[in-house]
């Protein structure tokens, strides 16, 4: 199915109107269980709204037109907050439907539903309703499906979501974006979705930037899916290579002809749910100072251009690739 429109929190738009797009970010995010600490750290909606608007105002200076919020359902997804941020900022926001990987986000609810019935079918029903009718009673339709798998394995629990997502995508054209834990299982994620009938042109394998083995990237790209360097600015901590190493892989992939499948983003979080995240100790704090959705424009693009990447190629990454991902178009 060829998608004719992109569901944003303010309604459908054409893929041609996405403009410069950040493909994997978060306005609010909390690890499952944050809500159990609400006595000490209640949700401050006004603070979250202001954090989201501050982020958007900064992005407008770089002509960002669309922001894809990849927050899974159980980690604080808040479609009404996203709608308010979009209305007040003028930036398109795409809200996702989906669940986190088992080790961090496992839903006992869906494990139980699978034990007593058919979890995959129930997840499929959830995806379909949120994409076609809206999330809860908000009327806000999800514009993408978020999936995740564990390190070195796609568990049976996670496979329920992958299979349901492929089925929902076949019927709606909704694109799929993923989380890979410690940059593992990218090829396996892509193959599982394709085997279940998903369109590779609408699949973006996430967190590939945490793996600097170019053969791993080429294996994923051989499936025809998008390769997301979407944790830029996160470096020096366990499992996260330095940005300069990620730049080298990006440049190498461009050089051997994979420009049309590269996505760059940050997985940034404007507002953490629960208690504030403490400052990182030395030496990690300075290494993480560029973990921001502005990093792409302040640092990454200048570096790539200095290395010979053209304005046209930058436009392909920022505008053309997101448009083709949401539109389900084949390579340019």
C-alpha atoms as a PDB file:
ATOM      1  CA  UNK A   1       0.000   0.000   0.000  1.00  0.00           C
ATOM      2  CA  UNK A   2       1.325   3.467  -0.899  1.00  0.00           C
ATOM      3  CA  UNK A   3       0.690   5.943   1.880  1.00  0.00           C
ATOM      4  CA  UNK A   4      -1.052   9.042   0.561  1.00  0.00           C
ATOM      5  CA  UNK A   5      -0.713  11.069   3.766  1.00  0.00           C
ATOM      6  CA  UNK A   6       1.298  11.278   6.970  1.00  0.00           C
ATOM      7  CA  UNK A   7      -0.638  11.319  10.237  1.00  0.00           C
ATOM      8  CA  UNK A   8       0.562  14.239  12.353  1.00  0.00           C
ATOM      9  CA  UNK A   9      -0.914  15.260  15.697  1.00  0.00           C
ATOM     10  CA  UNK A  10      -2.779  18.059  13.894  1.00  0.00           C
ATOM     11  CA  UNK A  11      -4.040  15.902  11.050  1.00  0.00           C
ATOM     12  CA  UNK A  12      -2.829  14.391   7.787  1.00  0.00           C
ATOM     13  CA  UNK A  13      -0.265  16.051   5.534  1.00  0.00           C
ATOM     14  CA  UNK A  14       1.411  15.005   2.309  1.00  0.00           C
ATOM     15  CA  UNK A  15       4.879  13.427   2.526  1.00  0.00           C
ATOM     16  CA  UNK A  16       5.918  16.227   0.165  1.00  0.00           C
ATOM     17  CA  UNK A  17       5.165  18.760   2.929  1.00  0.00           C
ATOM     18  CA  UNK A  18       7.376  17.208   5.624  1.00  0.00           C
ATOM     19  CA  UNK A  19      10.376  19.412   4.839  1.00  0.00           C
ATOM     20  CA  UNK A  20      13.459  19.086   7.024  1.00  0.00           C
ATOM     21  CA  UNK A  21      12.635  16.202   9.352  1.00  0.00           C
ATOM     22  CA  UNK A  22      14.150  14.833  12.548  1.00  0.00           C
ATOM     23  CA  UNK A  23      13.216  11.161  12.458  1.00  0.00           C
ATOM     24  CA  UNK A  24      13.753   9.888  16.017  1.00  0.00           C
ATOM     25  CA  UNK A  25      13.395  12.230  19.000  1.00  0.00           C
ATOM     26  CA  UNK A  26      11.284  12.545  22.175  1.00  0.00           C
ATOM     27  CA  UNK A  27       9.437  15.415  23.821  1.00  0.00           C
ATOM     28  CA  UNK A  28       8.782  13.430  27.015  1.00  0.00           C
ATOM     29  CA  UNK A  29      10.159  10.039  28.004  1.00  0.00           C
ATOM     30  CA  UNK A  30      10.196   7.974  31.188  1.00  0.00           C
ATOM     31  CA  UNK A  31      11.434   4.466  31.799  1.00  0.00           C
ATOM     32  CA  UNK A  32       8.518   2.149  32.638  1.00  0.00           C
ATOM     33  CA  UNK A  33       7.782   2.530  36.318  1.00  0.00           C
ATOM     34  CA  UNK A  34       8.355   6.290  36.456  1.00  0.00           C
ATOM     35  CA  UNK A  35       4.663   6.766  37.259  1.00  0.00           C
ATOM     36  CA  UNK A  36       5.103   4.725  40.460  1.00  0.00           C
ATOM     37  CA  UNK A  37       7.284   7.545  41.819  1.00  0.00           C
ATOM     38  CA  UNK A  38       4.629  10.199  41.217  1.00  0.00           C
ATOM     39  CA  UNK A  39       4.296  11.024  44.934  1.00  0.00           C
ATOM     40  CA  UNK A  40       7.805  12.461  44.894  1.00  0.00           C
ATOM     41  CA  UNK A  41       8.054  13.349  41.203  1.00  0.00           C
ATOM     42  CA  UNK A  42       4.581  14.107  39.778  1.00  0.00           C
ATOM     43  CA  UNK A  43       4.209  14.947  36.106  1.00  0.00           C
ATOM     44  CA  UNK A  44       4.547  18.693  35.577  1.00  0.00           C
ATOM     45  CA  UNK A  45       2.657  19.238  32.347  1.00  0.00           C
ATOM     46  CA  UNK A  46       3.486  22.918  32.118  1.00  0.00           C
ATOM     47  CA  UNK A  47       7.196  22.244  32.492  1.00  0.00           C
ATOM     48  CA  UNK A  48       7.001  19.517  29.848  1.00  0.00           C
ATOM     49  CA  UNK A  49       5.129  21.864  27.507  1.00  0.00           C
ATOM     50  CA  UNK A  50       7.696  24.609  28.006  1.00  0.00           C
ATOM     51  CA  UNK A  51      10.567  22.168  27.408  1.00  0.00           C
ATOM     52  CA  UNK A  52       8.957  20.977  24.195  1.00  0.00           C
ATOM     53  CA  UNK A  53       8.309  24.518  22.977  1.00  0.00           C
ATOM     54  CA  UNK A  54      11.853  25.585  23.816  1.00  0.00           C
ATOM     55  CA  UNK A  55      13.180  22.697  21.730  1.00  0.00           C
ATOM     56  CA  UNK A  56      10.920  23.590  18.824  1.00  0.00           C
ATOM     57  CA  UNK A  57      11.824  27.270  18.897  1.00  0.00           C
ATOM     58  CA  UNK A  58      15.498  26.373  18.660  1.00  0.00           C
ATOM     59  CA  UNK A  59      14.832  23.975  15.783  1.00  0.00           C
ATOM     60  CA  UNK A  60      12.859  26.588  13.861  1.00  0.00           C
ATOM     61  CA  UNK A  61      16.074  28.580  13.522  1.00  0.00           C
ATOM     62  CA  UNK A  62      17.327  25.715  11.348  1.00  0.00           C
ATOM     63  CA  UNK A  63      14.090  25.445   9.336  1.00  0.00           C
ATOM     64  CA  UNK A  64      13.066  22.118  10.829  1.00  0.00           C
ATOM     65  CA  UNK A  65       9.495  21.446   9.722  1.00  0.00           C
ATOM     66  CA  UNK A  66       8.742  17.981  11.148  1.00  0.00           C
ATOM     67  CA  UNK A  67       9.632  16.181  14.376  1.00  0.00           C
ATOM     68  CA  UNK A  68       8.987  12.432  14.714  1.00  0.00           C
ATOM     69  CA  UNK A  69       8.336  11.545  18.358  1.00  0.00           C
ATOM     70  CA  UNK A  70       9.323   7.895  18.768  1.00  0.00           C
ATOM     71  CA  UNK A  71       8.094   7.462  22.351  1.00  0.00           C
ATOM     72  CA  UNK A  72       6.563   4.002  22.946  1.00  0.00           C
ATOM     73  CA  UNK A  73       3.160   3.708  24.578  1.00  0.00           C
ATOM     74  CA  UNK A  74       4.428   2.581  27.990  1.00  0.00           C
ATOM     75  CA  UNK A  75       7.241   5.144  28.341  1.00  0.00           C
ATOM     76  CA  UNK A  76       5.126   8.244  28.746  1.00  0.00           C
ATOM     77  CA  UNK A  77       3.743   8.874  25.268  1.00  0.00           C
ATOM     78  CA  UNK A  78       1.458  11.917  25.515  1.00  0.00           C
ATOM     79  CA  UNK A  79      -0.345  12.692  22.254  1.00  0.00           C
ATOM     80  CA  UNK A  80      -2.315  15.641  23.667  1.00  0.00           C
ATOM     81  CA  UNK A  81       0.873  17.287  24.907  1.00  0.00           C
ATOM     82  CA  UNK A  82       2.423  16.741  21.470  1.00  0.00           C
ATOM     83  CA  UNK A  83      -0.615  18.372  19.887  1.00  0.00           C
ATOM     84  CA  UNK A  84      -0.234  21.429  22.124  1.00  0.00           C
ATOM     85  CA  UNK A  85       3.468  21.696  21.285  1.00  0.00           C
ATOM     86  CA  UNK A  86       2.729  21.421  17.572  1.00  0.00           C
ATOM     87  CA  UNK A  87      -0.097  23.974  17.662  1.00  0.00           C
ATOM     88  CA  UNK A  88       1.968  26.527  19.554  1.00  0.00           C
ATOM     89  CA  UNK A  89       5.225  26.006  17.646  1.00  0.00           C
ATOM     90  CA  UNK A  90       3.992  25.460  14.104  1.00  0.00           C
ATOM     91  CA  UNK A  91       6.207  22.388  13.663  1.00  0.00           C
ATOM     92  CA  UNK A  92       4.630  19.130  12.480  1.00  0.00           C
ATOM     93  CA  UNK A  93       4.867  16.341  15.058  1.00  0.00           C
ATOM     94  CA  UNK A  94       4.332  12.664  14.277  1.00  0.00           C
ATOM     95  CA  UNK A  95       3.225  10.557  17.252  1.00  0.00           C
ATOM     96  CA  UNK A  96       4.050   6.841  17.332  1.00  0.00           C
ATOM     97  CA  UNK A  97       2.272   3.692  18.454  1.00  0.00           C
ATOM     98  CA  UNK A  98       4.322   0.818  19.812  1.00  0.00           C
ATOM     99  CA  UNK A  99       6.109  -0.789  22.742  1.00  0.00           C
ATOM    100  CA  UNK A 100       9.668  -0.934  24.090  1.00  0.00           C
ATOM    101  CA  UNK A 101      11.932  -3.989  24.213  1.00  0.00           C
ATOM    102  CA  UNK A 102      11.294  -6.744  26.741  1.00  0.00           C
ATOM    103  CA  UNK A 103      14.227  -6.133  29.076  1.00  0.00           C
ATOM    104  CA  UNK A 104      13.167  -2.572  29.888  1.00  0.00           C
ATOM    105  CA  UNK A 105       9.575  -2.206  28.781  1.00  0.00           C
ATOM    106  CA  UNK A 106       8.031  -5.661  28.952  1.00  0.00           C
ATOM    107  CA  UNK A 107       4.306  -5.380  29.460  1.00  0.00           C
ATOM    108  CA  UNK A 108       2.974  -8.016  31.833  1.00  0.00           C
ATOM    109  CA  UNK A 109      -0.410  -7.094  30.405  1.00  0.00           C
ATOM    110  CA  UNK A 110       0.396  -8.282  26.897  1.00  0.00           C
ATOM    111  CA  UNK A 111       2.267 -11.317  28.204  1.00  0.00           C
ATOM    112  CA  UNK A 112      -0.881 -12.226  30.100  1.00  0.00           C
ATOM    113  CA  UNK A 113      -3.098 -11.493  27.095  1.00  0.00           C
ATOM    114  CA  UNK A 114      -0.921 -13.766  24.964  1.00  0.00           C
ATOM    115  CA  UNK A 115      -1.184 -16.527  27.574  1.00  0.00           C
ATOM    116  CA  UNK A 116      -4.987 -16.406  27.731  1.00  0.00           C
ATOM    117  CA  UNK A 117      -5.719 -15.486  24.138  1.00  0.00           C
ATOM    118  CA  UNK A 118      -3.963 -14.149  21.071  1.00  0.00           C
ATOM    119  CA  UNK A 119      -1.565 -11.371  21.996  1.00  0.00           C
ATOM    120  CA  UNK A 120      -0.432 -10.774  18.440  1.00  0.00           C
ATOM    121  CA  UNK A 121      -3.978 -10.187  17.219  1.00  0.00           C
ATOM    122  CA  UNK A 122      -4.711  -7.884  20.144  1.00  0.00           C
ATOM    123  CA  UNK A 123      -1.574  -5.849  19.472  1.00  0.00           C
ATOM    124  CA  UNK A 124      -2.546  -5.664  15.810  1.00  0.00           C
ATOM    125  CA  UNK A 125      -5.982  -4.342  16.822  1.00  0.00           C
ATOM    126  CA  UNK A 126      -4.318  -1.692  19.004  1.00  0.00           C
ATOM    127  CA  UNK A 127      -2.014  -0.593  16.175  1.00  0.00           C
ATOM    128  CA  UNK A 128      -4.878  -0.416  13.691  1.00  0.00           C
ATOM    129  CA  UNK A 129      -7.140   1.615  15.948  1.00  0.00           C
ATOM    130  CA  UNK A 130      -4.418   4.071  16.898  1.00  0.00           C
ATOM    131  CA  UNK A 131      -3.424   4.567  13.255  1.00  0.00           C
ATOM    132  CA  UNK A 132      -6.884   4.725  11.693  1.00  0.00           C
ATOM    133  CA  UNK A 133      -9.231   5.978  14.458  1.00  0.00           C
ATOM    134  CA  UNK A 134      -6.974   7.685  16.960  1.00  0.00           C
ATOM    135  CA  UNK A 135      -5.253   7.158  20.292  1.00  0.00           C
ATOM    136  CA  UNK A 136      -7.788   6.704  23.080  1.00  0.00           C
ATOM    137  CA  UNK A 137     -10.446   9.381  22.742  1.00  0.00           C
ATOM    138  CA  UNK A 138      -8.031  12.112  21.595  1.00  0.00           C
ATOM    139  CA  UNK A 139      -8.754  11.808  17.880  1.00  0.00           C
ATOM    140  CA  UNK A 140      -4.965  12.009  17.347  1.00  0.00           C
ATOM    141  CA  UNK A 141      -3.799   9.308  14.939  1.00  0.00           C
ATOM    142  CA  UNK A 142      -0.423   7.621  15.192  1.00  0.00           C
ATOM    143  CA  UNK A 143       1.779   8.237  12.170  1.00  0.00           C
ATOM    144  CA  UNK A 144       4.427   5.559  12.739  1.00  0.00           C
ATOM    145  CA  UNK A 145       4.881   2.225  14.495  1.00  0.00           C
ATOM    146  CA  UNK A 146       7.729   1.911  17.030  1.00  0.00           C
ATOM    147  CA  UNK A 147       9.274  -1.513  17.649  1.00  0.00           C
ATOM    148  CA  UNK A 148      12.202  -2.687  19.756  1.00  0.00           C
ATOM    149  CA  UNK A 149      14.258  -5.799  20.369  1.00  0.00           C
ATOM    150  CA  UNK A 150      16.731  -6.967  22.985  1.00  0.00           C
ATOM    151  CA  UNK A 151      20.499  -7.338  22.753  1.00  0.00           C
ATOM    152  CA  UNK A 152      21.385 -10.245  20.457  1.00  0.00           C
ATOM    153  CA  UNK A 153      17.830 -11.620  20.356  1.00  0.00           C
ATOM    154  CA  UNK A 154      14.278 -10.812  19.282  1.00  0.00           C
ATOM    155  CA  UNK A 155      12.333 -12.478  22.076  1.00  0.00           C
ATOM    156  CA  UNK A 156       9.001 -14.230  21.633  1.00  0.00           C
ATOM    157  CA  UNK A 157       7.364 -11.281  23.395  1.00  0.00           C
ATOM    158  CA  UNK A 158       8.980  -8.813  20.988  1.00  0.00           C
ATOM    159  CA  UNK A 159       8.089 -10.926  17.963  1.00  0.00           C
ATOM    160  CA  UNK A 160       4.396 -10.432  18.765  1.00  0.00           C
ATOM    161  CA  UNK A 161       4.825  -6.712  18.169  1.00  0.00           C
ATOM    162  CA  UNK A 162       6.951  -7.137  15.029  1.00  0.00           C
ATOM    163  CA  UNK A 163       4.451  -9.485  13.409  1.00  0.00           C
ATOM    164  CA  UNK A 164       1.461  -7.328  14.368  1.00  0.00           C
ATOM    165  CA  UNK A 165       3.256  -4.240  13.041  1.00  0.00           C
ATOM    166  CA  UNK A 166       3.992  -5.853   9.684  1.00  0.00           C
ATOM    167  CA  UNK A 167       0.323  -6.784   9.332  1.00  0.00           C
ATOM    168  CA  UNK A 168      -0.833  -3.282  10.293  1.00  0.00           C
ATOM    169  CA  UNK A 169       1.635  -1.733   7.865  1.00  0.00           C
ATOM    170  CA  UNK A 170       0.367  -3.887   5.007  1.00  0.00           C
ATOM    171  CA  UNK A 171      -3.113  -2.499   5.598  1.00  0.00           C
ATOM    172  CA  UNK A 172      -2.353   1.136   6.418  1.00  0.00           C
ATOM    173  CA  UNK A 173       1.029   1.967   4.897  1.00  0.00           C
ATOM    174  CA  UNK A 174       2.222   3.251   8.291  1.00  0.00           C
ATOM    175  CA  UNK A 175       6.024   3.278   8.417  1.00  0.00           C
ATOM    176  CA  UNK A 176       7.952   1.293  11.023  1.00  0.00           C
ATOM    177  CA  UNK A 177      10.908   2.594  13.023  1.00  0.00           C
ATOM    178  CA  UNK A 178      12.867   0.470  15.457  1.00  0.00           C
ATOM    179  CA  UNK A 179      15.092   0.415  18.512  1.00  0.00           C
ATOM    180  CA  UNK A 180      18.049  -1.992  18.415  1.00  0.00           C
ATOM    181  CA  UNK A 181      19.592  -2.668  21.808  1.00  0.00           C
ATOM    182  CA  UNK A 182      23.352  -2.083  21.729  1.00  0.00           C
ATOM    183  CA  UNK A 183      23.132  -1.942  17.914  1.00  0.00           C
ATOM    184  CA  UNK A 184      22.429  -5.647  17.556  1.00  0.00           C
ATOM    185  CA  UNK A 185      19.788  -7.549  15.566  1.00  0.00           C
ATOM    186  CA  UNK A 186      19.380  -4.917  12.860  1.00  0.00           C
ATOM    187  CA  UNK A 187      19.501  -7.387   9.956  1.00  0.00           C
ATOM    188  CA  UNK A 188      17.281  -9.802  11.866  1.00  0.00           C
ATOM    189  CA  UNK A 189      14.697  -7.098  12.581  1.00  0.00           C
ATOM    190  CA  UNK A 190      14.576  -6.144   8.920  1.00  0.00           C
ATOM    191  CA  UNK A 191      14.308  -9.740   7.731  1.00  0.00           C
ATOM    192  CA  UNK A 192      11.564 -10.625  10.221  1.00  0.00           C
ATOM    193  CA  UNK A 193       9.456  -7.655   9.133  1.00  0.00           C
ATOM    194  CA  UNK A 194      10.010  -8.366   5.441  1.00  0.00           C
ATOM    195  CA  UNK A 195       9.194 -12.057   5.914  1.00  0.00           C
ATOM    196  CA  UNK A 196       5.923 -10.949   7.516  1.00  0.00           C
ATOM    197  CA  UNK A 197       5.087  -8.842   4.461  1.00  0.00           C
ATOM    198  CA  UNK A 198       6.266  -5.378   5.491  1.00  0.00           C
ATOM    199  CA  UNK A 199       7.554  -3.005   2.811  1.00  0.00           C
ATOM    200  CA  UNK A 200      11.320  -2.436   3.237  1.00  0.00           C
ATOM    201  CA  UNK A 201      10.898   1.111   1.896  1.00  0.00           C
ATOM    202  CA  UNK A 202       8.826   1.843   5.017  1.00  0.00           C
ATOM    203  CA  UNK A 203      11.224   0.289   7.548  1.00  0.00           C
ATOM    204  CA  UNK A 204      13.891   2.292   9.425  1.00  0.00           C
ATOM    205  CA  UNK A 205      16.273   0.258  11.557  1.00  0.00           C
ATOM    206  CA  UNK A 206      17.244   2.406  14.511  1.00  0.00           C
ATOM    207  CA  UNK A 207      20.345   3.031  16.624  1.00  0.00           C
ATOM    208  CA  UNK A 208      22.602   1.758  13.876  1.00  0.00           C
ATOM    209  CA  UNK A 209      24.990   4.570  14.838  1.00  0.00           C
ATOM    210  CA  UNK A 210      25.987   2.538  17.900  1.00  0.00           C
ATOM    211  CA  UNK A 211      27.704   0.014  15.625  1.00  0.00           C
ATOM    212  CA  UNK A 212      30.723   1.168  13.605  1.00  0.00           C
ATOM    213  CA  UNK A 213      31.224  -2.111  11.722  1.00  0.00           C
ATOM    214  CA  UNK A 214      30.441  -1.099   8.145  1.00  0.00           C
ATOM    215  CA  UNK A 215      29.704  -4.719   7.253  1.00  0.00           C
ATOM    216  CA  UNK A 216      26.849  -4.675   9.773  1.00  0.00           C
ATOM    217  CA  UNK A 217      25.433  -1.587   8.068  1.00  0.00           C
ATOM    218  CA  UNK A 218      25.802  -3.113   4.620  1.00  0.00           C
ATOM    219  CA  UNK A 219      23.981  -6.240   5.822  1.00  0.00           C
ATOM    220  CA  UNK A 220      21.048  -4.102   6.970  1.00  0.00           C
ATOM    221  CA  UNK A 221      21.082  -1.985   3.809  1.00  0.00           C
ATOM    222  CA  UNK A 222      21.034  -5.111   1.656  1.00  0.00           C
ATOM    223  CA  UNK A 223      17.461  -5.635   2.890  1.00  0.00           C
ATOM    224  CA  UNK A 224      16.379  -2.367   1.233  1.00  0.00           C
ATOM    225  CA  UNK A 225      15.534  -0.613   4.522  1.00  0.00           C
ATOM    226  CA  UNK A 226      16.668   2.724   5.965  1.00  0.00           C
ATOM    227  CA  UNK A 227      19.787   2.884   8.139  1.00  0.00           C
ATOM    228  CA  UNK A 228      19.278   5.295  11.057  1.00  0.00           C
ATOM    229  CA  UNK A 229      22.185   7.056  12.718  1.00  0.00           C
ATOM    230  CA  UNK A 230      19.725   8.291  15.317  1.00  0.00           C
ATOM    231  CA  UNK A 231      21.788   8.446  18.516  1.00  0.00           C
ATOM    232  CA  UNK A 232      24.187  11.145  17.451  1.00  0.00           C
ATOM    233  CA  UNK A 233      25.673  13.064  20.357  1.00  0.00           C
ATOM    234  CA  UNK A 234      25.454  10.040  22.664  1.00  0.00           C
ATOM    235  CA  UNK A 235      29.063   8.955  22.990  1.00  0.00           C
ATOM    236  CA  UNK A 236      31.677   7.667  25.364  1.00  0.00           C
ATOM    237  CA  UNK A 237      29.279   5.709  27.576  1.00  0.00           C
ATOM    238  CA  UNK A 238      28.970   1.928  27.401  1.00  0.00           C
ATOM    239  CA  UNK A 239      27.940   0.715  23.963  1.00  0.00           C
ATOM    240  CA  UNK A 240      28.128   4.165  22.356  1.00  0.00           C
ATOM    241  CA  UNK A 241      31.065   4.911  20.024  1.00  0.00           C
ATOM    242  CA  UNK A 242      32.474   8.390  19.666  1.00  0.00           C
ATOM    243  CA  UNK A 243      30.747  10.614  17.120  1.00  0.00           C
ATOM    244  CA  UNK A 244      33.900  10.858  15.010  1.00  0.00           C
ATOM    245  CA  UNK A 245      33.695   7.103  14.463  1.00  0.00           C
ATOM    246  CA  UNK A 246      30.051   7.435  13.429  1.00  0.00           C
ATOM    247  CA  UNK A 247      30.974  10.212  10.978  1.00  0.00           C
ATOM    248  CA  UNK A 248      33.482   7.879   9.348  1.00  0.00           C
ATOM    249  CA  UNK A 249      30.804   5.234   8.767  1.00  0.00           C
ATOM    250  CA  UNK A 250      28.341   7.793   7.376  1.00  0.00           C
ATOM    251  CA  UNK A 251      30.958   9.115   4.969  1.00  0.00           C
ATOM    252  CA  UNK A 252      31.920   5.599   3.949  1.00  0.00           C
ATOM    253  CA  UNK A 253      28.321   4.609   3.226  1.00  0.00           C
ATOM    254  CA  UNK A 254      27.758   7.781   1.199  1.00  0.00           C
ATOM    255  CA  UNK A 255      30.933   7.051  -0.713  1.00  0.00           C
ATOM    256  CA  UNK A 256      29.819   3.558  -1.739  1.00  0.00           C
ATOM    257  CA  UNK A 257      26.363   4.643  -2.853  1.00  0.00           C
ATOM    258  CA  UNK A 258      23.987   4.397   0.137  1.00  0.00           C
ATOM    259  CA  UNK A 259      23.095   8.083   0.519  1.00  0.00           C
ATOM    260  CA  UNK A 260      19.424   7.403  -0.232  1.00  0.00           C
ATOM    261  CA  UNK A 261      18.980   5.184   2.828  1.00  0.00           C
ATOM    262  CA  UNK A 262      20.729   7.226   5.529  1.00  0.00           C
ATOM    263  CA  UNK A 263      18.783   8.908   8.338  1.00  0.00           C
ATOM    264  CA  UNK A 264      20.404  11.139  10.985  1.00  0.00           C
ATOM    265  CA  UNK A 265      18.794  12.048  14.325  1.00  0.00           C
ATOM    266  CA  UNK A 266      19.595  12.066  18.060  1.00  0.00           C
ATOM    267  CA  UNK A 267      17.077  10.164  20.239  1.00  0.00           C
ATOM    268  CA  UNK A 268      17.050  13.314  22.372  1.00  0.00           C
ATOM    269  CA  UNK A 269      14.655  13.877  25.281  1.00  0.00           C
ATOM    270  CA  UNK A 270      13.296  17.336  26.035  1.00  0.00           C
ATOM    271  CA  UNK A 271      11.687  16.399  29.369  1.00  0.00           C
ATOM    272  CA  UNK A 272      12.400  13.352  31.531  1.00  0.00           C
ATOM    273  CA  UNK A 273       9.439  11.870  33.385  1.00  0.00           C
ATOM    274  CA  UNK A 274      10.003  11.093  37.042  1.00  0.00           C
ATOM    275  CA  UNK A 275      12.878  12.562  39.025  1.00  0.00           C
ATOM    276  CA  UNK A 276      15.414  14.737  37.220  1.00  0.00           C
ATOM    277  CA  UNK A 277      18.327  12.878  35.663  1.00  0.00           C
ATOM    278  CA  UNK A 278      21.507  13.745  37.583  1.00  0.00           C
ATOM    279  CA  UNK A 279      24.457  15.312  35.831  1.00  0.00           C
ATOM    280  CA  UNK A 280      26.863  12.759  34.422  1.00  0.00           C
ATOM    281  CA  UNK A 281      30.206  12.496  36.226  1.00  0.00           C
ATOM    282  CA  UNK A 282      33.530  13.165  34.566  1.00  0.00           C
ATOM    283  CA  UNK A 283      34.533  12.341  31.904  1.00  0.00           C
ATOM    284  CA  UNK A 284      31.062  11.538  30.551  1.00  0.00           C
ATOM    285  CA  UNK A 285      29.434  14.936  30.996  1.00  0.00           C
ATOM    286  CA  UNK A 286      31.606  16.820  28.495  1.00  0.00           C
ATOM    287  CA  UNK A 287      31.393  13.922  26.034  1.00  0.00           C
ATOM    288  CA  UNK A 288      27.584  14.146  26.081  1.00  0.00           C
ATOM    289  CA  UNK A 289      27.297  17.932  25.815  1.00  0.00           C
ATOM    290  CA  UNK A 290      26.155  17.691  22.169  1.00  0.00           C
ATOM    291  CA  UNK A 291      23.263  15.313  22.901  1.00  0.00           C
ATOM    292  CA  UNK A 292      20.664  17.695  21.562  1.00  0.00           C
ATOM    293  CA  UNK A 293      18.492  17.930  18.430  1.00  0.00           C
ATOM    294  CA  UNK A 294      20.605  20.944  17.439  1.00  0.00           C
ATOM    295  CA  UNK A 295      23.743  18.804  17.137  1.00  0.00           C
ATOM    296  CA  UNK A 296      22.911  17.840  13.557  1.00  0.00           C
ATOM    297  CA  UNK A 297      22.846  21.458  12.426  1.00  0.00           C
ATOM    298  CA  UNK A 298      25.587  22.908  14.618  1.00  0.00           C
ATOM    299  CA  UNK A 299      28.176  20.167  14.261  1.00  0.00           C
ATOM    300  CA  UNK A 300      27.320  17.161  12.097  1.00  0.00           C
ATOM    301  CA  UNK A 301      26.377  18.917   8.864  1.00  0.00           C
ATOM    302  CA  UNK A 302      29.397  21.280   9.001  1.00  0.00           C
ATOM    303  CA  UNK A 303      31.682  18.287   9.547  1.00  0.00           C
ATOM    304  CA  UNK A 304      30.157  16.325   6.662  1.00  0.00           C
ATOM    305  CA  UNK A 305      30.320  19.323   4.327  1.00  0.00           C
ATOM    306  CA  UNK A 306      33.945  19.947   5.257  1.00  0.00           C
ATOM    307  CA  UNK A 307      34.572  16.313   4.289  1.00  0.00           C
ATOM    308  CA  UNK A 308      33.056  16.887   0.843  1.00  0.00           C
ATOM    309  CA  UNK A 309      29.347  16.141   1.290  1.00  0.00           C
ATOM    310  CA  UNK A 310      27.377  18.559  -0.893  1.00  0.00           C
ATOM    311  CA  UNK A 311      24.352  20.688  -0.042  1.00  0.00           C
ATOM    312  CA  UNK A 312      22.304  18.474  -2.351  1.00  0.00           C
ATOM    313  CA  UNK A 313      23.396  15.362  -0.473  1.00  0.00           C
ATOM    314  CA  UNK A 314      22.562  16.984   2.866  1.00  0.00           C
ATOM    315  CA  UNK A 315      19.106  17.806   1.499  1.00  0.00           C
ATOM    316  CA  UNK A 316      18.689  14.162   0.503  1.00  0.00           C
ATOM    317  CA  UNK A 317      19.331  13.057   4.085  1.00  0.00           C
ATOM    318  CA  UNK A 318      17.194  15.738   5.759  1.00  0.00           C
ATOM    319  CA  UNK A 319      14.273  16.068   3.335  1.00  0.00           C
ATOM    320  CA  UNK A 320      14.194  13.468   0.559  1.00  0.00           C
ATOM    321  CA  UNK A 321      14.845  10.364   2.662  1.00  0.00           C
ATOM    322  CA  UNK A 322      12.127  11.125   5.259  1.00  0.00           C
ATOM    323  CA  UNK A 323       9.701  11.941   2.427  1.00  0.00           C
ATOM    324  CA  UNK A 324      10.420   8.632   0.720  1.00  0.00           C
ATOM    325  CA  UNK A 325      10.251   6.726   4.015  1.00  0.00           C
ATOM    326  CA  UNK A 326       6.776   8.048   4.804  1.00  0.00           C
ATOM    327  CA  UNK A 327       5.666   7.785   1.188  1.00  0.00           C
ATOM    328  CA  UNK A 328       6.955   4.255   0.680  1.00  0.00           C
ATOM    329  CA  UNK A 329       8.944   5.263  -2.394  1.00  0.00           C
ATOM    330  CA  UNK A 330      11.831   3.224  -3.749  1.00  0.00           C
ATOM    331  CA  UNK A 331      15.355   4.618  -3.926  1.00  0.00           C
ATOM    332  CA  UNK A 332      15.821   7.853  -5.833  1.00  0.00           C
END
